[in-house]
Amino acid sequence: MGKKQFAALPFTLKNSELRVLLITTRRKGRWSVPKGSPMRKTEPHRTAALEAYEEAGLVGVTAKRALGSFKHRKRKGDRKRTMDVAVFPMRVHGQERWWPEKGEREAIWVSPKKASRLVHKAQLRRLIARFAAQTEKTGSSPLLDVVSRGTRAPSSNSR
């Protein structure tokens, strides 16, 4: 098994319409979700929330339980590693004016259907589609309930 990473699946639900945020990767400019490596003494869902803040300036509440995972190949110099990326839904409440990686990536809010067409990784496409189906089926999902009891992403005020 490869190394672990943790990702946020940022979403909003307005008027029963689910929207997800995608960002571009820095190296290839492909559409994906904010993700990063584990941090010492930091729970996985908190790492996902911090990555969403650092890469897109997002503030919100993150589920403590992962939606699922996908495989991602990461290149470091001449080495390639396969990463297992656990994805945590994150209900977004806002976006800061400044964040550490501002200007390094593009970000777009799209429907889950469009997000599934844009992301490169098939496993991530399936996770987004499953999350959308759970949400549309009941107007919420079991994970949305978890999100409401999850962890707030850091804001610049708390740093």
C-alpha atoms as a PDB file:
ATOM      1  CA  MET A   1       0.000   0.000   0.000  1.00  0.00           C
ATOM      2  CA  GLY A   2       1.207   3.495  -0.786  1.00  0.00           C
ATOM      3  CA  LYS A   3       1.532   6.574   1.337  1.00  0.00           C
ATOM      4  CA  LYS A   4      -1.563   8.357   2.660  1.00  0.00           C
ATOM      5  CA  GLN A   5      -2.898  11.805   1.871  1.00  0.00           C
ATOM      6  CA  PHE A   6      -6.066  13.562   2.998  1.00  0.00           C
ATOM      7  CA  ALA A   7      -8.401  15.647   0.833  1.00  0.00           C
ATOM      8  CA  ALA A   8     -11.429  17.851   1.322  1.00  0.00           C
ATOM      9  CA  LEU A   9     -14.481  17.691  -0.936  1.00  0.00           C
ATOM     10  CA  PRO A  10     -15.674  21.287  -0.503  1.00  0.00           C
ATOM     11  CA  PHE A  11     -19.401  21.744  -1.060  1.00  0.00           C
ATOM     12  CA  THR A  12     -22.304  24.108  -0.518  1.00  0.00           C
ATOM     13  CA  LEU A  13     -26.008  23.364  -0.480  1.00  0.00           C
ATOM     14  CA  LYS A  14     -28.130  26.351  -1.460  1.00  0.00           C
ATOM     15  CA  ASN A  15     -31.828  26.001  -2.269  1.00  0.00           C
ATOM     16  CA  SER A  16     -31.287  22.209  -2.282  1.00  0.00           C
ATOM     17  CA  GLU A  17     -28.685  22.576  -5.041  1.00  0.00           C
ATOM     18  CA  LEU A  18     -25.345  20.891  -4.368  1.00  0.00           C
ATOM     19  CA  ARG A  19     -22.197  22.620  -5.676  1.00  0.00           C
ATOM     20  CA  VAL A  20     -18.619  21.406  -5.251  1.00  0.00           C
ATOM     21  CA  LEU A  21     -15.360  23.297  -5.511  1.00  0.00           C
ATOM     22  CA  LEU A  22     -12.528  22.041  -7.678  1.00  0.00           C
ATOM     23  CA  ILE A  23      -9.018  23.451  -7.835  1.00  0.00           C
ATOM     24  CA  THR A  24      -6.252  22.933 -10.348  1.00  0.00           C
ATOM     25  CA  THR A  25      -3.108  21.025  -9.536  1.00  0.00           C
ATOM     26  CA  ARG A  26       0.018  23.162  -9.626  1.00  0.00           C
ATOM     27  CA  ARG A  27       2.103  20.940 -11.896  1.00  0.00           C
ATOM     28  CA  LYS A  28      -0.310  19.805 -14.603  1.00  0.00           C
ATOM     29  CA  GLY A  29      -3.256  22.160 -14.100  1.00  0.00           C
ATOM     30  CA  ARG A  30      -5.751  19.290 -13.819  1.00  0.00           C
ATOM     31  CA  TRP A  31      -8.980  19.690 -11.846  1.00  0.00           C
ATOM     32  CA  SER A  32      -8.942  18.013  -8.454  1.00  0.00           C
ATOM     33  CA  VAL A  33      -9.739  18.657  -4.786  1.00  0.00           C
ATOM     34  CA  PRO A  34      -7.518  20.209  -2.075  1.00  0.00           C
ATOM     35  CA  LYS A  35      -5.268  17.515  -0.621  1.00  0.00           C
ATOM     36  CA  GLY A  36      -2.068  17.054   1.307  1.00  0.00           C
ATOM     37  CA  SER A  37       0.101  14.762   3.366  1.00  0.00           C
ATOM     38  CA  PRO A  38      -0.543  13.840   6.998  1.00  0.00           C
ATOM     39  CA  MET A  39       0.608  16.325   9.617  1.00  0.00           C
ATOM     40  CA  ARG A  40       2.077  15.282  12.924  1.00  0.00           C
ATOM     41  CA  LYS A  41      -0.459  15.361  15.774  1.00  0.00           C
ATOM     42  CA  THR A  42      -3.259  16.382  13.388  1.00  0.00           C
ATOM     43  CA  GLU A  43      -6.328  14.246  12.726  1.00  0.00           C
ATOM     44  CA  PRO A  44      -6.987  13.349   9.057  1.00  0.00           C
ATOM     45  CA  HIS A  45     -10.179  15.450   8.725  1.00  0.00           C
ATOM     46  CA  ARG A  46      -8.366  18.450  10.217  1.00  0.00           C
ATOM     47  CA  THR A  47      -5.535  17.987   7.714  1.00  0.00           C
ATOM     48  CA  ALA A  48      -8.122  17.993   4.894  1.00  0.00           C
ATOM     49  CA  ALA A  49      -9.662  21.211   6.272  1.00  0.00           C
ATOM     50  CA  LEU A  50      -6.250  22.869   6.531  1.00  0.00           C
ATOM     51  CA  GLU A  51      -5.412  21.911   2.941  1.00  0.00           C
ATOM     52  CA  ALA A  52      -8.709  23.441   1.769  1.00  0.00           C
ATOM     53  CA  TYR A  53      -7.741  26.655   3.567  1.00  0.00           C
ATOM     54  CA  GLU A  54      -4.131  26.710   2.275  1.00  0.00           C
ATOM     55  CA  GLU A  55      -5.010  25.843  -1.331  1.00  0.00           C
ATOM     56  CA  ALA A  56      -8.337  27.692  -1.772  1.00  0.00           C
ATOM     57  CA  GLY A  57      -8.888  29.897   1.292  1.00  0.00           C
ATOM     58  CA  LEU A  58     -11.942  27.902   2.350  1.00  0.00           C
ATOM     59  CA  VAL A  59     -13.479  28.041   5.808  1.00  0.00           C
ATOM     60  CA  GLY A  60     -16.133  25.571   6.901  1.00  0.00           C
ATOM     61  CA  VAL A  61     -16.927  22.361   8.734  1.00  0.00           C
ATOM     62  CA  THR A  62     -15.339  19.036   7.786  1.00  0.00           C
ATOM     63  CA  ALA A  63     -16.756  15.552   8.364  1.00  0.00           C
ATOM     64  CA  LYS A  64     -14.761  13.363  10.737  1.00  0.00           C
ATOM     65  CA  ARG A  65     -15.481  10.300   8.594  1.00  0.00           C
ATOM     66  CA  ALA A  66     -14.102   9.939   5.068  1.00  0.00           C
ATOM     67  CA  LEU A  67     -16.467   9.559   2.119  1.00  0.00           C
ATOM     68  CA  GLY A  68     -14.006   7.124   0.510  1.00  0.00           C
ATOM     69  CA  SER A  69     -10.595   7.267  -1.122  1.00  0.00           C
ATOM     70  CA  PHE A  70      -8.858   7.370  -4.476  1.00  0.00           C
ATOM     71  CA  LYS A  71      -5.374   6.553  -5.744  1.00  0.00           C
ATOM     72  CA  HIS A  72      -3.089   9.352  -6.872  1.00  0.00           C
ATOM     73  CA  ARG A  73       0.438   9.152  -8.305  1.00  0.00           C
ATOM     74  CA  LYS A  74       2.734  11.803  -6.952  1.00  0.00           C
ATOM     75  CA  ARG A  75       6.064  12.665  -8.468  1.00  0.00           C
ATOM     76  CA  LYS A  76       8.991  13.894  -6.416  1.00  0.00           C
ATOM     77  CA  GLY A  77      12.072  14.377  -8.535  1.00  0.00           C
ATOM     78  CA  ASP A  78      12.647  11.112 -10.412  1.00  0.00           C
ATOM     79  CA  ARG A  79      10.523   9.094  -7.968  1.00  0.00           C
ATOM     80  CA  LYS A  80       6.835   8.336  -8.397  1.00  0.00           C
ATOM     81  CA  ARG A  81       4.719   7.232  -5.449  1.00  0.00           C
ATOM     82  CA  THR A  82       1.179   5.935  -5.335  1.00  0.00           C
ATOM     83  CA  MET A  83      -0.813   7.757  -2.689  1.00  0.00           C
ATOM     84  CA  ASP A  84      -4.059   6.603  -1.107  1.00  0.00           C
ATOM     85  CA  VAL A  85      -6.125   9.793  -0.695  1.00  0.00           C
ATOM     86  CA  ALA A  86      -8.976   9.745   1.852  1.00  0.00           C
ATOM     87  CA  VAL A  87     -11.681  12.304   0.982  1.00  0.00           C
ATOM     88  CA  PHE A  88     -13.605  14.204   3.687  1.00  0.00           C
ATOM     89  CA  PRO A  89     -16.715  16.242   2.807  1.00  0.00           C
ATOM     90  CA  MET A  90     -16.403  19.886   3.860  1.00  0.00           C
ATOM     91  CA  ARG A  91     -19.406  22.201   4.100  1.00  0.00           C
ATOM     92  CA  VAL A  92     -18.013  25.586   3.086  1.00  0.00           C
ATOM     93  CA  HIS A  93     -19.150  28.698   4.947  1.00  0.00           C
ATOM     94  CA  GLY A  94     -16.860  31.196   3.247  1.00  0.00           C
ATOM     95  CA  GLN A  95     -13.563  32.057   1.636  1.00  0.00           C
ATOM     96  CA  GLU A  96     -10.836  34.232   3.105  1.00  0.00           C
ATOM     97  CA  ARG A  97      -9.489  37.227   1.185  1.00  0.00           C
ATOM     98  CA  TRP A  98      -5.954  35.863   1.459  1.00  0.00           C
ATOM     99  CA  TRP A  99      -4.589  32.308   1.815  1.00  0.00           C
ATOM    100  CA  PRO A 100      -1.099  30.790   1.536  1.00  0.00           C
ATOM    101  CA  GLU A 101      -1.394  29.494  -2.052  1.00  0.00           C
ATOM    102  CA  LYS A 102      -3.549  32.296  -3.471  1.00  0.00           C
ATOM    103  CA  GLY A 103      -2.757  32.900  -7.131  1.00  0.00           C
ATOM    104  CA  GLU A 104      -1.121  29.479  -7.590  1.00  0.00           C
ATOM    105  CA  ARG A 105      -4.288  27.614  -8.613  1.00  0.00           C
ATOM    106  CA  GLU A 106      -7.620  28.180 -10.299  1.00  0.00           C
ATOM    107  CA  ALA A 107     -10.834  27.305  -8.460  1.00  0.00           C
ATOM    108  CA  ILE A 108     -14.398  26.824  -9.694  1.00  0.00           C
ATOM    109  CA  TRP A 109     -17.761  25.999  -8.121  1.00  0.00           C
ATOM    110  CA  VAL A 110     -19.636  23.500 -10.277  1.00  0.00           C
ATOM    111  CA  SER A 111     -22.447  20.974 -10.137  1.00  0.00           C
ATOM    112  CA  PRO A 112     -21.381  17.459  -9.127  1.00  0.00           C
ATOM    113  CA  LYS A 113     -22.206  16.289 -12.657  1.00  0.00           C
ATOM    114  CA  LYS A 114     -19.815  18.821 -14.190  1.00  0.00           C
ATOM    115  CA  ALA A 115     -17.199  18.107 -11.491  1.00  0.00           C
ATOM    116  CA  SER A 116     -17.358  14.417 -12.405  1.00  0.00           C
ATOM    117  CA  ARG A 117     -16.642  15.320 -16.031  1.00  0.00           C
ATOM    118  CA  LEU A 118     -13.752  17.651 -15.153  1.00  0.00           C
ATOM    119  CA  VAL A 119     -11.718  15.627 -12.654  1.00  0.00           C
ATOM    120  CA  HIS A 120      -9.001  13.395 -14.053  1.00  0.00           C
ATOM    121  CA  LYS A 121      -9.164  10.529 -11.540  1.00  0.00           C
ATOM    122  CA  ALA A 122     -11.945   7.989 -12.181  1.00  0.00           C
ATOM    123  CA  GLN A 123     -12.118   6.992  -8.501  1.00  0.00           C
ATOM    124  CA  LEU A 124     -12.594  10.650  -7.509  1.00  0.00           C
ATOM    125  CA  ARG A 125     -15.321  11.016 -10.157  1.00  0.00           C
ATOM    126  CA  ARG A 126     -17.168   8.075  -8.584  1.00  0.00           C
ATOM    127  CA  LEU A 127     -16.815   9.539  -5.072  1.00  0.00           C
ATOM    128  CA  ILE A 128     -18.277  12.861  -6.206  1.00  0.00           C
ATOM    129  CA  ALA A 129     -21.146  11.108  -8.003  1.00  0.00           C
ATOM    130  CA  ARG A 130     -21.879   8.934  -4.943  1.00  0.00           C
ATOM    131  CA  PHE A 131     -21.845  11.949  -2.622  1.00  0.00           C
ATOM    132  CA  ALA A 132     -24.241  13.789  -4.961  1.00  0.00           C
ATOM    133  CA  ALA A 133     -26.571  10.784  -5.215  1.00  0.00           C
ATOM    134  CA  GLN A 134     -26.732  10.445  -1.423  1.00  0.00           C
ATOM    135  CA  THR A 135     -27.475  14.135  -1.101  1.00  0.00           C
ATOM    136  CA  GLU A 136     -30.116  14.281  -3.852  1.00  0.00           C
ATOM    137  CA  LYS A 137     -31.867  11.129  -2.613  1.00  0.00           C
ATOM    138  CA  THR A 138     -32.872  12.622   0.720  1.00  0.00           C
ATOM    139  CA  GLY A 139     -32.018  16.302   0.442  1.00  0.00           C
ATOM    140  CA  SER A 140     -29.122  15.468   2.723  1.00  0.00           C
ATOM    141  CA  SER A 141     -26.898  12.462   3.382  1.00  0.00           C
ATOM    142  CA  PRO A 142     -25.634  10.575   6.395  1.00  0.00           C
ATOM    143  CA  LEU A 143     -22.301  12.334   5.888  1.00  0.00           C
ATOM    144  CA  LEU A 144     -23.962  15.757   5.957  1.00  0.00           C
ATOM    145  CA  ASP A 145     -25.141  14.939   9.464  1.00  0.00           C
ATOM    146  CA  VAL A 146     -21.564  14.067  10.361  1.00  0.00           C
ATOM    147  CA  VAL A 147     -20.425  17.333   8.802  1.00  0.00           C
ATOM    148  CA  SER A 148     -22.643  19.333  11.110  1.00  0.00           C
ATOM    149  CA  ARG A 149     -20.774  17.775  14.036  1.00  0.00           C
ATOM    150  CA  GLY A 150     -17.375  17.872  12.321  1.00  0.00           C
ATOM    151  CA  THR A 151     -14.446  20.208  12.651  1.00  0.00           C
ATOM    152  CA  ARG A 152     -14.257  23.839  11.629  1.00  0.00           C
ATOM    153  CA  ALA A 153     -11.539  24.777   9.203  1.00  0.00           C
ATOM    154  CA  PRO A 154      -9.118  27.379  10.494  1.00  0.00           C
ATOM    155  CA  SER A 155      -9.704  30.990   9.604  1.00  0.00           C
ATOM    156  CA  SER A 156      -7.134  33.754   9.476  1.00  0.00           C
ATOM    157  CA  ASN A 157      -8.615  35.082  12.720  1.00  0.00           C
ATOM    158  CA  SER A 158      -7.637  31.911  14.551  1.00  0.00           C
ATOM    159  CA  ARG A 159      -4.029  31.814  13.334  1.00  0.00           C
END
